[in-house]
Amino acid sequence: MSLPEQMSISIAPLRLLVENSVLLCVDIQQRLCSAISPDVLQSMIGNVAKLLQGAQSLGIPIIVSEQYRKGLGATIPEIASLFPPDIVNLEKVEFSVWANAELASSIAKTERSHIVVIGMEAHICVYQSVRDLVHAGYQVHVPHDAVCSRQTENARVGLALTERAGGVVTSTETVLFDWLHRAGTPQFKVISALVR
C-alpha cells in the first residue's frame, strides 16, 4: 500500500535524531570509580566507550562534566582517551549538570533537544541532571547499562526516579541503532563493529 502524496510521515515521539542529539557524560571520575564493583564498572565503561565512539562517528556533540576534581579526580583514562580534542569538559560542584551555569549554557548552545545521559552516580548526579533537563523541556534518554552507582540498589532507585521524572530508560544498543535509523551506511559499519 502506498501513502498518498499529501500524507507526510511524522517522527515518532521517542525517536532519537542524530541532528538533534547531544551525548552528556557525567562524572566518570577516578575516586568514584574506585568505589564501584569491578564487574559493574567494566561493563559500564564498555558501554560508555561504545556510545562515545558511536556519537563521534555520527557527528553528535559530546559534553563532559567532572564533579569537584580536587576531591574526585579527573575522568578515568579509559574514557578520557576516547574524547575528541575539542571536547567540552567542565568542572562542577552542583550535582545536577543543568544547575551549573557553564554546563547549562554549553548544552543550550548546541540548540539540540535530545540528550543522552551516561555516567555516575545514577541516583545522584545522573538523576538530578535528568530531572532538571526534562523540566527544562529536553527529551532525555538514559541507557541503563551506561550508568552506575556504588551500590546496585541505588542504581535501581536512580533509574526508577529517572523514569518518574520523565526520562526514557533505554540501553546502549537501542540508542546506537536509533541514531543510525538504517543499515547499509558507512556509520552502520562502524557501529556494528562496536557492538560485536
C-alpha atoms as a PDB file:
ATOM      1  CA  MET A   1       0.000   0.000   0.000  1.00  0.00           C
ATOM      2  CA  SER A   2       1.468   3.356  -0.978  1.00  0.00           C
ATOM      3  CA  LEU A   3       0.978   6.535   1.001  1.00  0.00           C
ATOM      4  CA  PRO A   4      -0.942   9.384  -0.587  1.00  0.00           C
ATOM      5  CA  GLU A   5       1.409  12.133  -1.797  1.00  0.00           C
ATOM      6  CA  GLN A   6      -0.090  14.715   0.539  1.00  0.00           C
ATOM      7  CA  MET A   7       0.403  12.493   3.613  1.00  0.00           C
ATOM      8  CA  SER A   8       3.611  13.172   5.499  1.00  0.00           C
ATOM      9  CA  ILE A   9       5.257  10.713   7.842  1.00  0.00           C
ATOM     10  CA  SER A  10       5.642  12.178  11.324  1.00  0.00           C
ATOM     11  CA  ILE A  11       8.591  11.411  13.570  1.00  0.00           C
ATOM     12  CA  ALA A  12       7.803   9.064  16.474  1.00  0.00           C
ATOM     13  CA  PRO A  13       7.985  10.962  19.784  1.00  0.00           C
ATOM     14  CA  LEU A  14      10.768   8.840  21.316  1.00  0.00           C
ATOM     15  CA  ARG A  15      12.947   8.610  18.224  1.00  0.00           C
ATOM     16  CA  LEU A  16      16.500   9.856  18.686  1.00  0.00           C
ATOM     17  CA  LEU A  17      17.569  12.003  15.756  1.00  0.00           C
ATOM     18  CA  VAL A  18      21.298  12.398  15.121  1.00  0.00           C
ATOM     19  CA  GLU A  19      20.897  16.036  14.149  1.00  0.00           C
ATOM     20  CA  ASN A  20      19.037  16.773  17.384  1.00  0.00           C
ATOM     21  CA  SER A  21      21.116  14.746  19.885  1.00  0.00           C
ATOM     22  CA  VAL A  22      23.802  15.509  22.454  1.00  0.00           C
ATOM     23  CA  LEU A  23      25.736  12.922  24.490  1.00  0.00           C
ATOM     24  CA  LEU A  24      26.239  14.065  28.099  1.00  0.00           C
ATOM     25  CA  CYS A  25      28.945  12.182  30.009  1.00  0.00           C
ATOM     26  CA  VAL A  26      28.551  12.746  33.759  1.00  0.00           C
ATOM     27  CA  ASP A  27      31.343  12.390  36.327  1.00  0.00           C
ATOM     28  CA  ILE A  28      33.125   9.142  35.388  1.00  0.00           C
ATOM     29  CA  GLN A  29      35.979  10.022  37.718  1.00  0.00           C
ATOM     30  CA  GLN A  30      38.840   8.208  39.381  1.00  0.00           C
ATOM     31  CA  ARG A  31      37.749   8.217  43.027  1.00  0.00           C
ATOM     32  CA  LEU A  32      34.126   7.441  42.226  1.00  0.00           C
ATOM     33  CA  CYS A  33      35.172   4.530  40.020  1.00  0.00           C
ATOM     34  CA  SER A  34      37.395   3.051  42.726  1.00  0.00           C
ATOM     35  CA  ALA A  35      34.272   2.549  44.886  1.00  0.00           C
ATOM     36  CA  ILE A  36      32.339   0.615  42.193  1.00  0.00           C
ATOM     37  CA  SER A  37      32.318  -3.178  41.871  1.00  0.00           C
ATOM     38  CA  PRO A  38      34.929  -4.072  39.189  1.00  0.00           C
ATOM     39  CA  ASP A  39      32.437  -6.128  37.144  1.00  0.00           C
ATOM     40  CA  VAL A  40      29.830  -3.350  37.157  1.00  0.00           C
ATOM     41  CA  LEU A  41      32.461  -0.737  36.366  1.00  0.00           C
ATOM     42  CA  GLN A  42      33.954  -2.633  33.421  1.00  0.00           C
ATOM     43  CA  SER A  43      30.515  -3.256  31.936  1.00  0.00           C
ATOM     44  CA  MET A  44      29.634   0.438  32.227  1.00  0.00           C
ATOM     45  CA  ILE A  45      32.995   1.548  30.779  1.00  0.00           C
ATOM     46  CA  GLY A  46      32.497  -0.745  27.785  1.00  0.00           C
ATOM     47  CA  ASN A  47      29.067   0.693  27.030  1.00  0.00           C
ATOM     48  CA  VAL A  48      30.164   4.282  27.603  1.00  0.00           C
ATOM     49  CA  ALA A  49      33.046   3.672  25.164  1.00  0.00           C
ATOM     50  CA  LYS A  50      30.614   2.394  22.506  1.00  0.00           C
ATOM     51  CA  LEU A  51      28.403   5.461  22.916  1.00  0.00           C
ATOM     52  CA  LEU A  52      31.337   7.881  22.802  1.00  0.00           C
ATOM     53  CA  GLN A  53      32.724   6.285  19.646  1.00  0.00           C
ATOM     54  CA  GLY A  54      29.280   5.985  18.070  1.00  0.00           C
ATOM     55  CA  ALA A  55      28.469   9.623  18.797  1.00  0.00           C
ATOM     56  CA  GLN A  56      31.756  10.768  17.262  1.00  0.00           C
ATOM     57  CA  SER A  57      31.234   8.682  14.132  1.00  0.00           C
ATOM     58  CA  LEU A  58      27.816  10.310  13.689  1.00  0.00           C
ATOM     59  CA  GLY A  59      28.948  13.879  14.472  1.00  0.00           C
ATOM     60  CA  ILE A  60      26.950  14.135  17.707  1.00  0.00           C
ATOM     61  CA  PRO A  61      28.286  16.718  20.198  1.00  0.00           C
ATOM     62  CA  ILE A  62      29.686  15.350  23.460  1.00  0.00           C
ATOM     63  CA  ILE A  63      29.676  17.328  26.699  1.00  0.00           C
ATOM     64  CA  VAL A  64      31.532  16.103  29.795  1.00  0.00           C
ATOM     65  CA  SER A  65      31.129  17.079  33.431  1.00  0.00           C
ATOM     66  CA  GLU A  66      33.505  16.409  36.303  1.00  0.00           C
ATOM     67  CA  GLN A  67      32.397  16.800  39.914  1.00  0.00           C
ATOM     68  CA  TYR A  68      34.874  18.623  42.194  1.00  0.00           C
ATOM     69  CA  ARG A  69      38.094  17.440  40.517  1.00  0.00           C
ATOM     70  CA  LYS A  70      40.256  18.186  43.577  1.00  0.00           C
ATOM     71  CA  GLY A  71      38.356  15.613  45.602  1.00  0.00           C
ATOM     72  CA  LEU A  72      37.256  13.070  42.984  1.00  0.00           C
ATOM     73  CA  GLY A  73      39.999  13.287  40.378  1.00  0.00           C
ATOM     74  CA  ALA A  74      39.682  13.583  36.612  1.00  0.00           C
ATOM     75  CA  THR A  75      37.745  11.368  34.209  1.00  0.00           C
ATOM     76  CA  ILE A  76      39.318   7.898  34.180  1.00  0.00           C
ATOM     77  CA  PRO A  77      41.907   7.407  31.404  1.00  0.00           C
ATOM     78  CA  GLU A  78      39.944   4.593  29.695  1.00  0.00           C
ATOM     79  CA  ILE A  79      37.171   7.106  28.977  1.00  0.00           C
ATOM     80  CA  ALA A  80      39.176  10.346  28.660  1.00  0.00           C
ATOM     81  CA  SER A  81      41.333   8.753  25.947  1.00  0.00           C
ATOM     82  CA  LEU A  82      38.203   8.490  23.778  1.00  0.00           C
ATOM     83  CA  PHE A  83      37.297  12.175  23.997  1.00  0.00           C
ATOM     84  CA  PRO A  84      37.723  14.233  20.819  1.00  0.00           C
ATOM     85  CA  PRO A  85      40.268  17.076  21.039  1.00  0.00           C
ATOM     86  CA  ASP A  86      37.570  19.788  21.022  1.00  0.00           C
ATOM     87  CA  ILE A  87      35.524  18.244  23.852  1.00  0.00           C
ATOM     88  CA  VAL A  88      33.595  20.494  26.229  1.00  0.00           C
ATOM     89  CA  ASN A  89      34.769  19.237  29.640  1.00  0.00           C
ATOM     90  CA  LEU A  90      33.707  21.373  32.589  1.00  0.00           C
ATOM     91  CA  GLU A  91      34.033  21.097  36.350  1.00  0.00           C
ATOM     92  CA  LYS A  92      31.013  21.481  38.609  1.00  0.00           C
ATOM     93  CA  VAL A  93      30.188  21.347  42.292  1.00  0.00           C
ATOM     94  CA  GLU A  94      26.432  21.157  41.711  1.00  0.00           C
ATOM     95  CA  PHE A  95      25.085  17.614  41.485  1.00  0.00           C
ATOM     96  CA  SER A  96      22.847  18.454  38.525  1.00  0.00           C
ATOM     97  CA  VAL A  97      24.640  19.363  35.305  1.00  0.00           C
ATOM     98  CA  TRP A  98      21.765  21.712  34.442  1.00  0.00           C
ATOM     99  CA  ALA A  99      22.287  23.587  37.741  1.00  0.00           C
ATOM    100  CA  ASN A 100      25.781  24.591  36.609  1.00  0.00           C
ATOM    101  CA  ALA A 101      25.610  27.768  34.511  1.00  0.00           C
ATOM    102  CA  GLU A 102      28.552  26.900  32.211  1.00  0.00           C
ATOM    103  CA  LEU A 103      27.336  23.381  31.514  1.00  0.00           C
ATOM    104  CA  ALA A 104      23.728  24.502  31.011  1.00  0.00           C
ATOM    105  CA  SER A 105      24.946  27.163  28.591  1.00  0.00           C
ATOM    106  CA  SER A 106      27.040  24.596  26.686  1.00  0.00           C
ATOM    107  CA  ILE A 107      24.007  22.332  26.313  1.00  0.00           C
ATOM    108  CA  ALA A 108      21.741  25.206  25.262  1.00  0.00           C
ATOM    109  CA  LYS A 109      24.282  26.427  22.681  1.00  0.00           C
ATOM    110  CA  THR A 110      24.033  23.132  20.794  1.00  0.00           C
ATOM    111  CA  GLU A 111      20.396  24.025  20.004  1.00  0.00           C
ATOM    112  CA  ARG A 112      19.558  20.322  20.259  1.00  0.00           C
ATOM    113  CA  SER A 113      16.715  18.898  22.315  1.00  0.00           C
ATOM    114  CA  HIS A 114      17.543  15.184  22.751  1.00  0.00           C
ATOM    115  CA  ILE A 115      20.064  14.474  25.499  1.00  0.00           C
ATOM    116  CA  VAL A 116      21.530  11.010  26.102  1.00  0.00           C
ATOM    117  CA  VAL A 117      22.929  10.925  29.646  1.00  0.00           C
ATOM    118  CA  ILE A 118      25.602   8.444  30.718  1.00  0.00           C
ATOM    119  CA  GLY A 119      27.868   8.184  33.756  1.00  0.00           C
ATOM    120  CA  MET A 120      27.571   8.177  37.523  1.00  0.00           C
ATOM    121  CA  GLU A 121      26.154   8.099  40.007  1.00  0.00           C
ATOM    122  CA  ALA A 122      22.759   7.011  38.710  1.00  0.00           C
ATOM    123  CA  HIS A 123      20.869   8.070  41.843  1.00  0.00           C
ATOM    124  CA  ILE A 124      22.600  11.416  42.406  1.00  0.00           C
ATOM    125  CA  CYS A 125      24.213  13.387  39.571  1.00  0.00           C
ATOM    126  CA  VAL A 126      22.629  11.429  36.718  1.00  0.00           C
ATOM    127  CA  TYR A 127      19.129  11.514  38.225  1.00  0.00           C
ATOM    128  CA  GLN A 128      19.273  15.182  39.265  1.00  0.00           C
ATOM    129  CA  SER A 129      20.566  16.152  35.815  1.00  0.00           C
ATOM    130  CA  VAL A 130      17.813  14.177  34.089  1.00  0.00           C
ATOM    131  CA  ARG A 131      15.108  15.635  36.317  1.00  0.00           C
ATOM    132  CA  ASP A 132      16.254  19.191  35.632  1.00  0.00           C
ATOM    133  CA  LEU A 133      16.791  18.672  31.891  1.00  0.00           C
ATOM    134  CA  VAL A 134      13.308  17.164  31.466  1.00  0.00           C
ATOM    135  CA  HIS A 135      11.829  20.064  33.424  1.00  0.00           C
ATOM    136  CA  ALA A 136      13.692  22.463  31.103  1.00  0.00           C
ATOM    137  CA  GLY A 137      11.986  20.844  28.094  1.00  0.00           C
ATOM    138  CA  TYR A 138      14.598  18.368  26.864  1.00  0.00           C
ATOM    139  CA  GLN A 139      13.853  14.789  25.842  1.00  0.00           C
ATOM    140  CA  VAL A 140      16.298  12.742  27.933  1.00  0.00           C
ATOM    141  CA  HIS A 141      17.381   9.129  27.364  1.00  0.00           C
ATOM    142  CA  VAL A 142      19.422   7.154  29.923  1.00  0.00           C
ATOM    143  CA  PRO A 143      20.974   3.834  28.844  1.00  0.00           C
ATOM    144  CA  HIS A 144      20.681   1.667  31.969  1.00  0.00           C
ATOM    145  CA  ASP A 145      23.885  -0.176  31.056  1.00  0.00           C
ATOM    146  CA  ALA A 146      25.940   3.039  30.712  1.00  0.00           C
ATOM    147  CA  VAL A 147      25.235   4.388  34.212  1.00  0.00           C
ATOM    148  CA  CYS A 148      26.027   3.007  37.657  1.00  0.00           C
ATOM    149  CA  SER A 149      26.206   3.747  41.372  1.00  0.00           C
ATOM    150  CA  ARG A 150      28.403   2.498  44.198  1.00  0.00           C
ATOM    151  CA  GLN A 151      25.520   0.266  45.350  1.00  0.00           C
ATOM    152  CA  THR A 152      23.371  -1.672  42.890  1.00  0.00           C
ATOM    153  CA  GLU A 153      20.191  -0.821  44.779  1.00  0.00           C
ATOM    154  CA  ASN A 154      20.925   2.895  44.470  1.00  0.00           C
ATOM    155  CA  ALA A 155      21.398   2.463  40.711  1.00  0.00           C
ATOM    156  CA  ARG A 156      17.939   0.847  40.543  1.00  0.00           C
ATOM    157  CA  VAL A 157      16.463   3.721  42.541  1.00  0.00           C
ATOM    158  CA  GLY A 158      18.139   6.234  40.238  1.00  0.00           C
ATOM    159  CA  LEU A 159      16.682   4.606  37.121  1.00  0.00           C
ATOM    160  CA  ALA A 160      13.214   4.393  38.677  1.00  0.00           C
ATOM    161  CA  LEU A 161      13.388   8.085  39.600  1.00  0.00           C
ATOM    162  CA  THR A 162      14.652   8.893  36.101  1.00  0.00           C
ATOM    163  CA  GLU A 163      11.519   7.323  34.609  1.00  0.00           C
ATOM    164  CA  ARG A 164       9.274   9.036  37.129  1.00  0.00           C
ATOM    165  CA  ALA A 165      10.862  12.385  36.220  1.00  0.00           C
ATOM    166  CA  GLY A 166      10.036  11.800  32.547  1.00  0.00           C
ATOM    167  CA  GLY A 167      13.326  10.393  31.283  1.00  0.00           C
ATOM    168  CA  VAL A 168      13.461   7.383  28.944  1.00  0.00           C
ATOM    169  CA  VAL A 169      15.367   4.414  30.378  1.00  0.00           C
ATOM    170  CA  THR A 170      16.936   2.605  27.444  1.00  0.00           C
ATOM    171  CA  SER A 171      20.090   0.639  26.544  1.00  0.00           C
ATOM    172  CA  THR A 172      23.349   1.331  24.748  1.00  0.00           C
ATOM    173  CA  GLU A 173      22.439  -0.662  21.648  1.00  0.00           C
ATOM    174  CA  THR A 174      18.954   0.848  21.495  1.00  0.00           C
ATOM    175  CA  VAL A 175      20.478   4.343  21.434  1.00  0.00           C
ATOM    176  CA  LEU A 176      23.122   3.479  18.850  1.00  0.00           C
ATOM    177  CA  PHE A 177      20.691   1.849  16.419  1.00  0.00           C
ATOM    178  CA  ASP A 178      18.079   4.559  16.935  1.00  0.00           C
ATOM    179  CA  TRP A 179      20.727   7.103  15.950  1.00  0.00           C
ATOM    180  CA  LEU A 180      21.583   5.001  12.880  1.00  0.00           C
ATOM    181  CA  HIS A 181      17.973   4.546  11.732  1.00  0.00           C
ATOM    182  CA  ARG A 182      19.018   2.361   8.789  1.00  0.00           C
ATOM    183  CA  ALA A 183      21.585  -0.213   7.668  1.00  0.00           C
ATOM    184  CA  GLY A 184      23.919  -0.061   4.702  1.00  0.00           C
ATOM    185  CA  THR A 185      25.711   3.180   5.557  1.00  0.00           C
ATOM    186  CA  PRO A 186      29.387   3.734   6.462  1.00  0.00           C
ATOM    187  CA  GLN A 187      28.247   4.670  10.001  1.00  0.00           C
ATOM    188  CA  PHE A 188      26.327   1.386  10.237  1.00  0.00           C
ATOM    189  CA  LYS A 189      29.564  -0.499   9.612  1.00  0.00           C
ATOM    190  CA  VAL A 190      31.341   1.479  12.348  1.00  0.00           C
ATOM    191  CA  ILE A 191      28.617   0.943  14.930  1.00  0.00           C
ATOM    192  CA  SER A 192      28.048  -2.701  14.003  1.00  0.00           C
ATOM    193  CA  ALA A 193      31.735  -3.285  14.717  1.00  0.00           C
ATOM    194  CA  LEU A 194      31.397  -1.581  18.107  1.00  0.00           C
ATOM    195  CA  VAL A 195      28.602  -3.864  19.318  1.00  0.00           C
ATOM    196  CA  ARG A 196      30.024  -7.189  18.106  1.00  0.00           C
END
